Amino acid sequence: MNPKNKRSIRTALQTLAAVAAVLPALAAVVADSDALAAAAPWAVAAAVTAAGVAGVVARVMASPAFEAILDRLGLGLTDDTPGDAPQ
């Protein structure tokens, strides 16, 4: 699998993990309110959509053109230090 695709999938999984971490607290709040309980399916759909969007954004950011922009801003992943190069 392409490393850029792997990074995108990892980002989506990290987003899902973050959502899962707050899910118990969200469930407790939803259980106390009928109005929020009606909106719960929409909240779950929004969380899944957020994870998907995070994966797509990660894939776009891995493109050479976007990486060049980030390098110009000093935020790129490419390091010039030989000791930091991957083995």
N, C-alpha and C. Protein backbone atom coordinates (compact mmCIF):
# COMPACT_ATOMS: atom_id res chain seq x y z
N MET A 1 0.85 -1.19 0.00
CA MET A 1 0.00 0.00 0.00
C MET A 1 0.89 1.24 0.00
N ASN A 2 0.45 2.24 -0.71
CA ASN A 2 1.15 3.51 -0.81
C ASN A 2 1.28 4.14 0.59
N PRO A 3 2.47 4.63 0.97
CA PRO A 3 2.64 5.25 2.29
C PRO A 3 1.69 6.42 2.53
N LYS A 4 1.39 7.18 1.47
CA LYS A 4 0.47 8.31 1.63
C LYS A 4 -0.93 7.82 1.99
N ASN A 5 -1.35 6.71 1.39
CA ASN A 5 -2.65 6.14 1.73
C ASN A 5 -2.66 5.61 3.16
N LYS A 6 -1.55 5.01 3.58
CA LYS A 6 -1.44 4.52 4.96
C LYS A 6 -1.59 5.67 5.95
N ARG A 7 -0.95 6.79 5.65
CA ARG A 7 -1.05 7.95 6.54
C ARG A 7 -2.48 8.47 6.62
N SER A 8 -3.17 8.45 5.50
CA SER A 8 -4.56 8.91 5.48
C SER A 8 -5.44 7.99 6.30
N ILE A 9 -5.24 6.70 6.16
CA ILE A 9 -6.03 5.74 6.93
C ILE A 9 -5.72 5.88 8.42
N ARG A 10 -4.45 6.07 8.76
CA ARG A 10 -4.10 6.25 10.18
C ARG A 10 -4.76 7.50 10.74
N THR A 11 -4.79 8.58 9.97
CA THR A 11 -5.43 9.81 10.44
C THR A 11 -6.92 9.59 10.68
N ALA A 12 -7.59 8.89 9.77
CA ALA A 12 -9.01 8.60 9.95
C ALA A 12 -9.23 7.74 11.20
N LEU A 13 -8.37 6.75 11.41
CA LEU A 13 -8.50 5.89 12.60
C LEU A 13 -8.23 6.68 13.88
N GLN A 14 -7.28 7.60 13.84
CA GLN A 14 -7.01 8.43 15.01
C GLN A 14 -8.21 9.31 15.34
N THR A 15 -8.86 9.83 14.32
CA THR A 15 -10.04 10.65 14.54
C THR A 15 -11.16 9.82 15.13
N LEU A 16 -11.36 8.60 14.60
CA LEU A 16 -12.38 7.72 15.16
C LEU A 16 -12.06 7.36 16.61
N ALA A 17 -10.79 7.15 16.93
CA ALA A 17 -10.40 6.85 18.31
C ALA A 17 -10.71 8.02 19.24
N ALA A 18 -10.47 9.24 18.76
CA ALA A 18 -10.78 10.42 19.57
C ALA A 18 -12.28 10.53 19.82
N VAL A 19 -13.06 10.25 18.78
CA VAL A 19 -14.52 10.29 18.93
C VAL A 19 -14.97 9.20 19.90
N ALA A 20 -14.39 8.02 19.78
CA ALA A 20 -14.76 6.91 20.68
C ALA A 20 -14.41 7.23 22.13
N ALA A 21 -13.37 8.02 22.34
CA ALA A 21 -12.97 8.38 23.70
C ALA A 21 -14.01 9.26 24.39
N VAL A 22 -14.69 10.12 23.62
CA VAL A 22 -15.70 11.00 24.22
C VAL A 22 -17.10 10.42 24.12
N LEU A 23 -17.23 9.28 23.46
CA LEU A 23 -18.55 8.68 23.27
C LEU A 23 -19.28 8.35 24.57
N PRO A 24 -18.62 7.79 25.60
CA PRO A 24 -19.34 7.51 26.86
C PRO A 24 -19.94 8.77 27.50
N ALA A 25 -19.19 9.85 27.48
CA ALA A 25 -19.71 11.10 28.05
C ALA A 25 -20.87 11.61 27.23
N LEU A 26 -20.76 11.50 25.92
CA LEU A 26 -21.84 11.93 25.05
C LEU A 26 -23.08 11.08 25.27
N ALA A 27 -22.90 9.78 25.44
CA ALA A 27 -24.03 8.89 25.68
C ALA A 27 -24.74 9.23 26.99
N ALA A 28 -23.99 9.61 28.01
CA ALA A 28 -24.59 9.99 29.29
C ALA A 28 -25.43 11.26 29.15
N VAL A 29 -24.95 12.21 28.38
CA VAL A 29 -25.70 13.46 28.18
C VAL A 29 -26.95 13.18 27.35
N VAL A 30 -26.82 12.34 26.34
CA VAL A 30 -27.95 12.02 25.47
C VAL A 30 -29.03 11.27 26.25
N ALA A 31 -28.63 10.41 27.17
CA ALA A 31 -29.59 9.62 27.94
C ALA A 31 -30.47 10.50 28.82
N ASP A 32 -29.98 11.66 29.20
CA ASP A 32 -30.74 12.55 30.07
C ASP A 32 -31.72 13.44 29.33
N SER A 33 -31.68 13.46 28.01
CA SER A 33 -32.52 14.37 27.25
C SER A 33 -33.17 13.66 26.06
N ASP A 34 -34.49 13.76 25.98
CA ASP A 34 -35.20 13.16 24.85
C ASP A 34 -34.87 13.86 23.54
N ALA A 35 -34.69 15.16 23.59
CA ALA A 35 -34.39 15.91 22.37
C ALA A 35 -33.01 15.51 21.83
N LEU A 36 -32.06 15.34 22.73
CA LEU A 36 -30.73 14.93 22.29
C LEU A 36 -30.73 13.48 21.81
N ALA A 37 -31.58 12.64 22.43
CA ALA A 37 -31.66 11.24 22.00
C ALA A 37 -32.15 11.15 20.56
N ALA A 38 -33.04 12.04 20.18
CA ALA A 38 -33.53 12.05 18.80
C ALA A 38 -32.43 12.47 17.82
N ALA A 39 -31.50 13.26 18.29
CA ALA A 39 -30.41 13.74 17.43
C ALA A 39 -29.19 12.81 17.44
N ALA A 40 -29.20 11.77 18.27
CA ALA A 40 -28.03 10.90 18.42
C ALA A 40 -27.59 10.26 17.10
N PRO A 41 -28.50 9.75 16.27
CA PRO A 41 -28.02 9.18 15.00
C PRO A 41 -27.30 10.19 14.13
N TRP A 42 -27.75 11.43 14.17
CA TRP A 42 -27.09 12.46 13.40
C TRP A 42 -25.70 12.74 13.96
N ALA A 43 -25.55 12.69 15.27
CA ALA A 43 -24.25 12.92 15.89
C ALA A 43 -23.26 11.81 15.52
N VAL A 44 -23.74 10.57 15.49
CA VAL A 44 -22.88 9.46 15.10
C VAL A 44 -22.47 9.61 13.63
N ALA A 45 -23.42 9.97 12.79
CA ALA A 45 -23.11 10.18 11.37
C ALA A 45 -22.10 11.31 11.19
N ALA A 46 -22.24 12.36 11.98
CA ALA A 46 -21.31 13.48 11.90
C ALA A 46 -19.91 13.06 12.33
N ALA A 47 -19.81 12.22 13.36
CA ALA A 47 -18.51 11.74 13.83
C ALA A 47 -17.83 10.88 12.77
N VAL A 48 -18.58 10.00 12.14
CA VAL A 48 -18.02 9.16 11.09
C VAL A 48 -17.61 10.02 9.89
N THR A 49 -18.41 11.00 9.56
CA THR A 49 -18.08 11.90 8.47
C THR A 49 -16.81 12.69 8.79
N ALA A 50 -16.67 13.13 10.03
CA ALA A 50 -15.47 13.86 10.44
C ALA A 50 -14.23 13.00 10.27
N ALA A 51 -14.33 11.72 10.61
CA ALA A 51 -13.18 10.82 10.44
C ALA A 51 -12.84 10.65 8.96
N GLY A 52 -13.86 10.52 8.14
CA GLY A 52 -13.63 10.40 6.70
C GLY A 52 -13.00 11.65 6.11
N VAL A 53 -13.50 12.80 6.52
CA VAL A 53 -12.95 14.07 6.04
C VAL A 53 -11.50 14.22 6.51
N ALA A 54 -11.21 13.80 7.74
CA ALA A 54 -9.83 13.89 8.24
C ALA A 54 -8.90 13.03 7.39
N GLY A 55 -9.37 11.86 6.97
CA GLY A 55 -8.56 11.01 6.10
C GLY A 55 -8.32 11.64 4.75
N VAL A 56 -9.35 12.25 4.18
CA VAL A 56 -9.21 12.90 2.87
C VAL A 56 -8.26 14.09 2.98
N VAL A 57 -8.40 14.88 4.03
CA VAL A 57 -7.52 16.03 4.22
C VAL A 57 -6.07 15.56 4.39
N ALA A 58 -5.87 14.48 5.13
CA ALA A 58 -4.51 13.94 5.29
C ALA A 58 -3.94 13.51 3.95
N ARG A 59 -4.77 12.92 3.11
CA ARG A 59 -4.30 12.47 1.78
C ARG A 59 -3.95 13.67 0.91
N VAL A 60 -4.75 14.72 0.96
CA VAL A 60 -4.46 15.93 0.19
C VAL A 60 -3.17 16.57 0.69
N MET A 61 -2.99 16.60 2.00
CA MET A 61 -1.79 17.21 2.56
C MET A 61 -0.53 16.41 2.24
N ALA A 62 -0.70 15.14 1.88
CA ALA A 62 0.45 14.31 1.52
C ALA A 62 0.86 14.49 0.06
N SER A 63 0.11 15.26 -0.70
CA SER A 63 0.45 15.47 -2.11
C SER A 63 1.71 16.33 -2.21
N PRO A 64 2.51 16.12 -3.25
CA PRO A 64 3.75 16.89 -3.41
C PRO A 64 3.52 18.41 -3.47
N ALA A 65 2.45 18.83 -4.11
CA ALA A 65 2.19 20.27 -4.23
C ALA A 65 1.91 20.88 -2.85
N PHE A 66 1.08 20.21 -2.08
CA PHE A 66 0.75 20.74 -0.76
C PHE A 66 1.96 20.66 0.17
N GLU A 67 2.75 19.58 0.04
CA GLU A 67 3.96 19.45 0.84
C GLU A 67 4.94 20.57 0.53
N ALA A 68 5.02 20.98 -0.74
CA ALA A 68 5.90 22.09 -1.11
C ALA A 68 5.45 23.39 -0.45
N ILE A 69 4.14 23.59 -0.39
CA ILE A 69 3.60 24.78 0.28
C ILE A 69 3.95 24.74 1.76
N LEU A 70 3.76 23.58 2.38
CA LEU A 70 4.09 23.45 3.80
C LEU A 70 5.59 23.65 4.04
N ASP A 71 6.43 23.16 3.13
CA ASP A 71 7.87 23.36 3.26
C ASP A 71 8.22 24.84 3.24
N ARG A 72 7.56 25.59 2.36
CA ARG A 72 7.81 27.04 2.29
C ARG A 72 7.42 27.74 3.58
N LEU A 73 6.41 27.20 4.25
CA LEU A 73 5.96 27.79 5.52
C LEU A 73 6.74 27.26 6.71
N GLY A 74 7.65 26.31 6.46
CA GLY A 74 8.43 25.72 7.54
C GLY A 74 7.69 24.62 8.27
N LEU A 75 6.62 24.09 7.69
CA LEU A 75 5.82 23.07 8.34
C LEU A 75 5.89 21.71 7.64
N GLY A 76 6.78 21.57 6.69
CA GLY A 76 6.89 20.33 5.93
C GLY A 76 7.47 19.20 6.76
N LEU A 77 7.34 17.98 6.24
CA LEU A 77 7.86 16.81 6.94
C LEU A 77 9.29 16.49 6.56
N THR A 78 9.80 17.08 5.52
CA THR A 78 11.14 16.78 5.06
C THR A 78 12.14 17.55 5.90
N ASP A 79 13.06 16.80 6.51
CA ASP A 79 14.11 17.42 7.31
C ASP A 79 15.42 17.39 6.53
N ASP A 80 16.21 18.43 6.67
CA ASP A 80 17.51 18.49 6.01
C ASP A 80 18.63 17.90 6.87
N THR A 81 18.31 17.59 8.12
CA THR A 81 19.31 17.07 9.04
C THR A 81 19.56 15.60 8.74
N PRO A 82 20.80 15.20 8.41
CA PRO A 82 21.06 13.80 8.07
C PRO A 82 20.75 12.82 9.20
N GLY A 83 20.89 13.23 10.44
CA GLY A 83 20.61 12.34 11.57
C GLY A 83 19.14 12.04 11.73
N ASP A 84 18.27 12.86 11.15
CA ASP A 84 16.83 12.65 11.27
C ASP A 84 16.24 11.83 10.13
N ALA A 85 17.07 11.46 9.15
CA ALA A 85 16.58 10.71 7.99
C ALA A 85 16.14 9.31 8.41
N PRO A 86 15.06 8.78 7.80
CA PRO A 86 14.63 7.44 8.13
C PRO A 86 15.67 6.41 7.74
N GLN A 87 15.76 5.37 8.50
CA GLN A 87 16.73 4.30 8.25
C GLN A 87 16.20 3.30 7.28
